[in-house]
Amino acid sequence: MPDPATLRDSTQIVLPCDTLDGLREAIETEFTVTVFSRDDVRCLIVGSPVEIKAVSRFLAQHGVSIQ
């Protein structure tokens, strides 16, 4: 059985919300993901593993580092 943490890592990205300033609308338009704020400080991007990989590449192209 897969490890839940591994599955979670492949289906979500957690970032400070201010990191998405100017990018959130493009992400929601271009990719099939859901972006929401957990506590107005951290934002969560949730989608399929394929979409999360694509969003990760998009963010990297825009200078956003995902750890």
PDB file of N, CA and C in Angstrom:
ATOM      1  N   MET A   1       0.849  -1.180   0.000  1.00  0.00           N
ATOM      2  CA  MET A   1       0.000   0.000   0.000  1.00  0.00           C
ATOM      3  C   MET A   1       0.898   1.248   0.000  1.00  0.00           C
ATOM      4  N   PRO A   2       0.541   2.262  -0.810  1.00  0.00           N
ATOM      5  CA  PRO A   2       1.362   3.482  -0.868  1.00  0.00           C
ATOM      6  C   PRO A   2       1.342   4.259   0.445  1.00  0.00           C
ATOM      7  N   ASP A   3       2.424   4.950   0.674  1.00  0.00           N
ATOM      8  CA  ASP A   3       2.542   5.801   1.842  1.00  0.00           C
ATOM      9  C   ASP A   3       1.681   7.060   1.652  1.00  0.00           C
ATOM     10  N   PRO A   4       0.795   7.393   2.590  1.00  0.00           N
ATOM     11  CA  PRO A   4      -0.061   8.575   2.439  1.00  0.00           C
ATOM     12  C   PRO A   4       0.712   9.877   2.236  1.00  0.00           C
ATOM     13  N   ALA A   5       1.855  10.027   2.867  1.00  0.00           N
ATOM     14  CA  ALA A   5       2.640  11.251   2.703  1.00  0.00           C
ATOM     15  C   ALA A   5       3.135  11.393   1.265  1.00  0.00           C
ATOM     16  N   THR A   6       3.514  10.282   0.655  1.00  0.00           N
ATOM     17  CA  THR A   6       3.958  10.311  -0.734  1.00  0.00           C
ATOM     18  C   THR A   6       2.813  10.699  -1.649  1.00  0.00           C
ATOM     19  N   LEU A   7       1.655  10.129  -1.423  1.00  0.00           N
ATOM     20  CA  LEU A   7       0.483  10.486  -2.234  1.00  0.00           C
ATOM     21  C   LEU A   7       0.137  11.953  -2.065  1.00  0.00           C
ATOM     22  N   ARG A   8       0.172  12.442  -0.861  1.00  0.00           N
ATOM     23  CA  ARG A   8      -0.146  13.837  -0.579  1.00  0.00           C
ATOM     24  C   ARG A   8       0.844  14.762  -1.286  1.00  0.00           C
ATOM     25  N   ASP A   9       2.118  14.408  -1.252  1.00  0.00           N
ATOM     26  CA  ASP A   9       3.138  15.222  -1.913  1.00  0.00           C
ATOM     27  C   ASP A   9       2.931  15.286  -3.414  1.00  0.00           C
ATOM     28  N   SER A  10       2.369  14.247  -3.997  1.00  0.00           N
ATOM     29  CA  SER A  10       2.186  14.229  -5.450  1.00  0.00           C
ATOM     30  C   SER A  10       0.858  14.844  -5.880  1.00  0.00           C
ATOM     31  N   THR A  11       0.008  15.204  -4.929  1.00  0.00           N
ATOM     32  CA  THR A  11      -1.299  15.761  -5.300  1.00  0.00           C
ATOM     33  C   THR A  11      -1.544  17.147  -4.728  1.00  0.00           C
ATOM     34  N   GLN A  12      -0.564  17.729  -4.058  1.00  0.00           N
ATOM     35  CA  GLN A  12      -0.751  19.075  -3.524  1.00  0.00           C
ATOM     36  C   GLN A  12       0.571  19.829  -3.403  1.00  0.00           C
ATOM     37  N   ILE A  13       0.451  21.143  -3.445  1.00  0.00           N
ATOM     38  CA  ILE A  13       1.573  22.042  -3.214  1.00  0.00           C
ATOM     39  C   ILE A  13       1.114  23.029  -2.150  1.00  0.00           C
ATOM     40  N   VAL A  14       1.909  23.226  -1.117  1.00  0.00           N
ATOM     41  CA  VAL A  14       1.599  24.190  -0.069  1.00  0.00           C
ATOM     42  C   VAL A  14       2.653  25.291  -0.135  1.00  0.00           C
ATOM     43  N   LEU A  15       2.175  26.533  -0.272  1.00  0.00           N
ATOM     44  CA  LEU A  15       3.061  27.694  -0.401  1.00  0.00           C
ATOM     45  C   LEU A  15       2.518  28.863   0.399  1.00  0.00           C
ATOM     46  N   PRO A  16       3.384  29.804   0.750  1.00  0.00           N
ATOM     47  CA  PRO A  16       2.871  31.043   1.311  1.00  0.00           C
ATOM     48  C   PRO A  16       1.992  31.733   0.248  1.00  0.00           C
ATOM     49  N   CYS A  17       0.850  32.245   0.647  1.00  0.00           N
ATOM     50  CA  CYS A  17      -0.086  32.852  -0.309  1.00  0.00           C
ATOM     51  C   CYS A  17       0.540  33.990  -1.097  1.00  0.00           C
ATOM     52  N   ASP A  18       1.415  34.760  -0.479  1.00  0.00           N
ATOM     53  CA  ASP A  18       2.010  35.885  -1.202  1.00  0.00           C
ATOM     54  C   ASP A  18       2.912  35.419  -2.338  1.00  0.00           C
ATOM     55  N   THR A  19       3.335  34.164  -2.319  1.00  0.00           N
ATOM     56  CA  THR A  19       4.124  33.596  -3.412  1.00  0.00           C
ATOM     57  C   THR A  19       3.313  33.528  -4.698  1.00  0.00           C
ATOM     58  N   LEU A  20       2.001  33.391  -4.545  1.00  0.00           N
ATOM     59  CA  LEU A  20       1.126  33.247  -5.705  1.00  0.00           C
ATOM     60  C   LEU A  20       0.613  34.577  -6.245  1.00  0.00           C
ATOM     61  N   ASP A  21       1.039  35.691  -5.651  1.00  0.00           N
ATOM     62  CA  ASP A  21       0.610  37.001  -6.136  1.00  0.00           C
ATOM     63  C   ASP A  21       0.942  37.135  -7.617  1.00  0.00           C
ATOM     64  N   GLY A  22      -0.067  37.416  -8.407  1.00  0.00           N
ATOM     65  CA  GLY A  22       0.105  37.575  -9.841  1.00  0.00           C
ATOM     66  C   GLY A  22       0.134  36.271 -10.620  1.00  0.00           C
ATOM     67  N   LEU A  23       0.137  35.141  -9.943  1.00  0.00           N
ATOM     68  CA  LEU A  23       0.192  33.842 -10.613  1.00  0.00           C
ATOM     69  C   LEU A  23      -1.061  33.001 -10.398  1.00  0.00           C
ATOM     70  N   ARG A  24      -1.798  33.289  -9.348  1.00  0.00           N
ATOM     71  CA  ARG A  24      -2.933  32.439  -8.983  1.00  0.00           C
ATOM     72  C   ARG A  24      -3.953  32.329 -10.106  1.00  0.00           C
ATOM     73  N   GLU A  25      -4.320  33.435 -10.704  1.00  0.00           N
ATOM     74  CA  GLU A  25      -5.329  33.406 -11.765  1.00  0.00           C
ATOM     75  C   GLU A  25      -4.836  32.577 -12.957  1.00  0.00           C
ATOM     76  N   ALA A  26      -3.575  32.749 -13.325  1.00  0.00           N
ATOM     77  CA  ALA A  26      -3.008  31.977 -14.439  1.00  0.00           C
ATOM     78  C   ALA A  26      -3.018  30.484 -14.115  1.00  0.00           C
ATOM     79  N   ILE A  27      -2.689  30.139 -12.896  1.00  0.00           N
ATOM     80  CA  ILE A  27      -2.677  28.731 -12.485  1.00  0.00           C
ATOM     81  C   ILE A  27      -4.080  28.143 -12.567  1.00  0.00           C
ATOM     82  N   GLU A  28      -5.056  28.872 -12.035  1.00  0.00           N
ATOM     83  CA  GLU A  28      -6.427  28.362 -12.033  1.00  0.00           C
ATOM     84  C   GLU A  28      -7.011  28.281 -13.440  1.00  0.00           C
ATOM     85  N   THR A  29      -6.541  29.146 -14.342  1.00  0.00           N
ATOM     86  CA  THR A  29      -7.038  29.150 -15.715  1.00  0.00           C
ATOM     87  C   THR A  29      -6.374  28.070 -16.553  1.00  0.00           C
ATOM     88  N   GLU A  30      -5.075  27.923 -16.396  1.00  0.00           N
ATOM     89  CA  GLU A  30      -4.297  27.037 -17.258  1.00  0.00           C
ATOM     90  C   GLU A  30      -4.311  25.572 -16.827  1.00  0.00           C
ATOM     91  N   PHE A  31      -4.489  25.320 -15.542  1.00  0.00           N
ATOM     92  CA  PHE A  31      -4.396  23.960 -15.022  1.00  0.00           C
ATOM     93  C   PHE A  31      -5.698  23.549 -14.342  1.00  0.00           C
ATOM     94  N   THR A  32      -5.928  22.240 -14.309  1.00  0.00           N
ATOM     95  CA  THR A  32      -7.116  21.702 -13.642  1.00  0.00           C
ATOM     96  C   THR A  32      -6.751  21.408 -12.190  1.00  0.00           C
ATOM     97  N   VAL A  33      -6.711  22.473 -11.404  1.00  0.00           N
ATOM     98  CA  VAL A  33      -6.374  22.385  -9.983  1.00  0.00           C
ATOM     99  C   VAL A  33      -7.304  23.304  -9.200  1.00  0.00           C
ATOM    100  N   THR A  34      -7.308  23.113  -7.911  1.00  0.00           N
ATOM    101  CA  THR A  34      -8.033  23.998  -7.005  1.00  0.00           C
ATOM    102  C   THR A  34      -7.004  24.692  -6.127  1.00  0.00           C
ATOM    103  N   VAL A  35      -7.146  26.011  -6.004  1.00  0.00           N
ATOM    104  CA  VAL A  35      -6.252  26.800  -5.162  1.00  0.00           C
ATOM    105  C   VAL A  35      -7.099  27.409  -4.056  1.00  0.00           C
ATOM    106  N   PHE A  36      -6.726  27.171  -2.821  1.00  0.00           N
ATOM    107  CA  PHE A  36      -7.444  27.806  -1.726  1.00  0.00           C
ATOM    108  C   PHE A  36      -6.508  28.129  -0.583  1.00  0.00           C
ATOM    109  N   SER A  37      -6.953  29.031   0.254  1.00  0.00           N
ATOM    110  CA  SER A  37      -6.161  29.491   1.382  1.00  0.00           C
ATOM    111  C   SER A  37      -6.564  28.706   2.618  1.00  0.00           C
ATOM    112  N   ARG A  38      -5.562  28.223   3.332  1.00  0.00           N
ATOM    113  CA  ARG A  38      -5.837  27.509   4.582  1.00  0.00           C
ATOM    114  C   ARG A  38      -6.094  28.488   5.731  1.00  0.00           C
ATOM    115  N   ASP A  39      -5.280  29.526   5.811  1.00  0.00           N
ATOM    116  CA  ASP A  39      -5.384  30.444   6.944  1.00  0.00           C
ATOM    117  C   ASP A  39      -4.950  31.855   6.555  1.00  0.00           C
ATOM    118  N   ASP A  40      -5.123  32.205   5.285  1.00  0.00           N
ATOM    119  CA  ASP A  40      -4.713  33.494   4.721  1.00  0.00           C
ATOM    120  C   ASP A  40      -3.201  33.687   4.727  1.00  0.00           C
ATOM    121  N   VAL A  41      -2.464  32.678   5.132  1.00  0.00           N
ATOM    122  CA  VAL A  41      -1.009  32.737   5.112  1.00  0.00           C
ATOM    123  C   VAL A  41      -0.484  31.654   4.167  1.00  0.00           C
ATOM    124  N   ARG A  42      -1.042  30.460   4.291  1.00  0.00           N
ATOM    125  CA  ARG A  42      -0.633  29.337   3.452  1.00  0.00           C
ATOM    126  C   ARG A  42      -1.715  29.025   2.432  1.00  0.00           C
ATOM    127  N   CYS A  43      -1.303  28.817   1.193  1.00  0.00           N
ATOM    128  CA  CYS A  43      -2.232  28.422   0.142  1.00  0.00           C
ATOM    129  C   CYS A  43      -1.930  26.995  -0.281  1.00  0.00           C
ATOM    130  N   LEU A  44      -2.970  26.317  -0.670  1.00  0.00           N
ATOM    131  CA  LEU A  44      -2.876  24.926  -1.064  1.00  0.00           C
ATOM    132  C   LEU A  44      -3.324  24.809  -2.515  1.00  0.00           C
ATOM    133  N   ILE A  45      -2.522  24.173  -3.328  1.00  0.00           N
ATOM    134  CA  ILE A  45      -2.876  23.868  -4.707  1.00  0.00           C
ATOM    135  C   ILE A  45      -3.079  22.358  -4.762  1.00  0.00           C
ATOM    136  N   VAL A  46      -4.270  21.929  -5.142  1.00  0.00           N
ATOM    137  CA  VAL A  46      -4.617  20.509  -5.128  1.00  0.00           C
ATOM    138  C   VAL A  46      -5.025  20.081  -6.528  1.00  0.00           C
ATOM    139  N   GLY A  47      -4.507  18.938  -6.953  1.00  0.00           N
ATOM    140  CA  GLY A  47      -4.864  18.399  -8.258  1.00  0.00           C
ATOM    141  C   GLY A  47      -4.273  17.018  -8.438  1.00  0.00           C
ATOM    142  N   SER A  48      -4.440  16.478  -9.631  1.00  0.00           N
ATOM    143  CA  SER A  48      -3.881  15.161  -9.936  1.00  0.00           C
ATOM    144  C   SER A  48      -2.366  15.260  -9.976  1.00  0.00           C
ATOM    145  N   PRO A  49      -1.684  14.130  -9.823  1.00  0.00           N
ATOM    146  CA  PRO A  49      -0.223  14.164  -9.882  1.00  0.00           C
ATOM    147  C   PRO A  49       0.306  14.792 -11.181  1.00  0.00           C
ATOM    148  N   VAL A  50      -0.355  14.541 -12.295  1.00  0.00           N
ATOM    149  CA  VAL A  50       0.081  15.111 -13.573  1.00  0.00           C
ATOM    150  C   VAL A  50      -0.052  16.631 -13.546  1.00  0.00           C
ATOM    151  N   GLU A  51      -1.164  17.134 -13.041  1.00  0.00           N
ATOM    152  CA  GLU A  51      -1.381  18.579 -12.974  1.00  0.00           C
ATOM    153  C   GLU A  51      -0.433  19.235 -11.975  1.00  0.00           C
ATOM    154  N   ILE A  52      -0.186  18.589 -10.850  1.00  0.00           N
ATOM    155  CA  ILE A  52       0.719  19.149  -9.848  1.00  0.00           C
ATOM    156  C   ILE A  52       2.133  19.251 -10.411  1.00  0.00           C
ATOM    157  N   LYS A  53       2.576  18.260 -11.183  1.00  0.00           N
ATOM    158  CA  LYS A  53       3.889  18.347 -11.815  1.00  0.00           C
ATOM    159  C   LYS A  53       3.937  19.515 -12.795  1.00  0.00           C
ATOM    160  N   ALA A  54       2.864  19.702 -13.558  1.00  0.00           N
ATOM    161  CA  ALA A  54       2.805  20.805 -14.518  1.00  0.00           C
ATOM    162  C   ALA A  54       2.813  22.154 -13.802  1.00  0.00           C
ATOM    163  N   VAL A  55       2.076  22.260 -12.713  1.00  0.00           N
ATOM    164  CA  VAL A  55       2.057  23.504 -11.932  1.00  0.00           C
ATOM    165  C   VAL A  55       3.437  23.754 -11.325  1.00  0.00           C
ATOM    166  N   SER A  56       4.089  22.717 -10.860  1.00  0.00           N
ATOM    167  CA  SER A  56       5.441  22.858 -10.300  1.00  0.00           C
ATOM    168  C   SER A  56       6.396  23.422 -11.346  1.00  0.00           C
ATOM    169  N   ARG A  57       6.320  22.912 -12.572  1.00  0.00           N
ATOM    170  CA  ARG A  57       7.162  23.436 -13.655  1.00  0.00           C
ATOM    171  C   ARG A  57       6.820  24.891 -13.947  1.00  0.00           C
ATOM    172  N   PHE A  58       5.524  25.208 -13.990  1.00  0.00           N
ATOM    173  CA  PHE A  58       5.074  26.580 -14.232  1.00  0.00           C
ATOM    174  C   PHE A  58       5.623  27.519 -13.164  1.00  0.00           C
ATOM    175  N   LEU A  59       5.508  27.116 -11.913  1.00  0.00           N
ATOM    176  CA  LEU A  59       6.011  27.943 -10.820  1.00  0.00           C
ATOM    177  C   LEU A  59       7.517  28.118 -10.912  1.00  0.00           C
ATOM    178  N   ALA A  60       8.232  27.051 -11.246  1.00  0.00           N
ATOM    179  CA  ALA A  60       9.689  27.141 -11.373  1.00  0.00           C
ATOM    180  C   ALA A  60      10.071  28.128 -12.492  1.00  0.00           C
ATOM    181  N   GLN A  61       9.320  28.113 -13.575  1.00  0.00           N
ATOM    182  CA  GLN A  61       9.584  29.027 -14.689  1.00  0.00           C
ATOM    183  C   GLN A  61       9.359  30.475 -14.283  1.00  0.00           C
ATOM    184  N   HIS A  62       8.554  30.675 -13.244  1.00  0.00           N
ATOM    185  CA  HIS A  62       8.266  32.011 -12.745  1.00  0.00           C
ATOM    186  C   HIS A  62       9.053  32.333 -11.464  1.00  0.00           C
ATOM    187  N   GLY A  63      10.094  31.555 -11.212  1.00  0.00           N
ATOM    188  CA  GLY A  63      10.999  31.858 -10.113  1.00  0.00           C
ATOM    189  C   GLY A  63      10.532  31.429  -8.732  1.00  0.00           C
ATOM    190  N   VAL A  64       9.520  30.563  -8.676  1.00  0.00           N
ATOM    191  CA  VAL A  64       9.011  30.115  -7.378  1.00  0.00           C
ATOM    192  C   VAL A  64       9.648  28.768  -7.061  1.00  0.00           C
ATOM    193  N   SER A  65      10.347  28.706  -5.953  1.00  0.00           N
ATOM    194  CA  SER A  65      10.994  27.471  -5.511  1.00  0.00           C
ATOM    195  C   SER A  65      10.037  26.669  -4.645  1.00  0.00           C
ATOM    196  N   ILE A  66       9.917  25.397  -4.972  1.00  0.00           N
ATOM    197  CA  ILE A  66       9.065  24.497  -4.183  1.00  0.00           C
ATOM    198  C   ILE A  66       9.975  23.522  -3.466  1.00  0.00           C
ATOM    199  N   GLN A  67       9.816  23.439  -2.163  1.00  0.00           N
ATOM    200  CA  GLN A  67      10.688  22.572  -1.369  1.00  0.00           C
ATOM    201  C   GLN A  67       9.967  21.359  -0.905  1.00  0.00           C
TER     202      GLN A  67
END
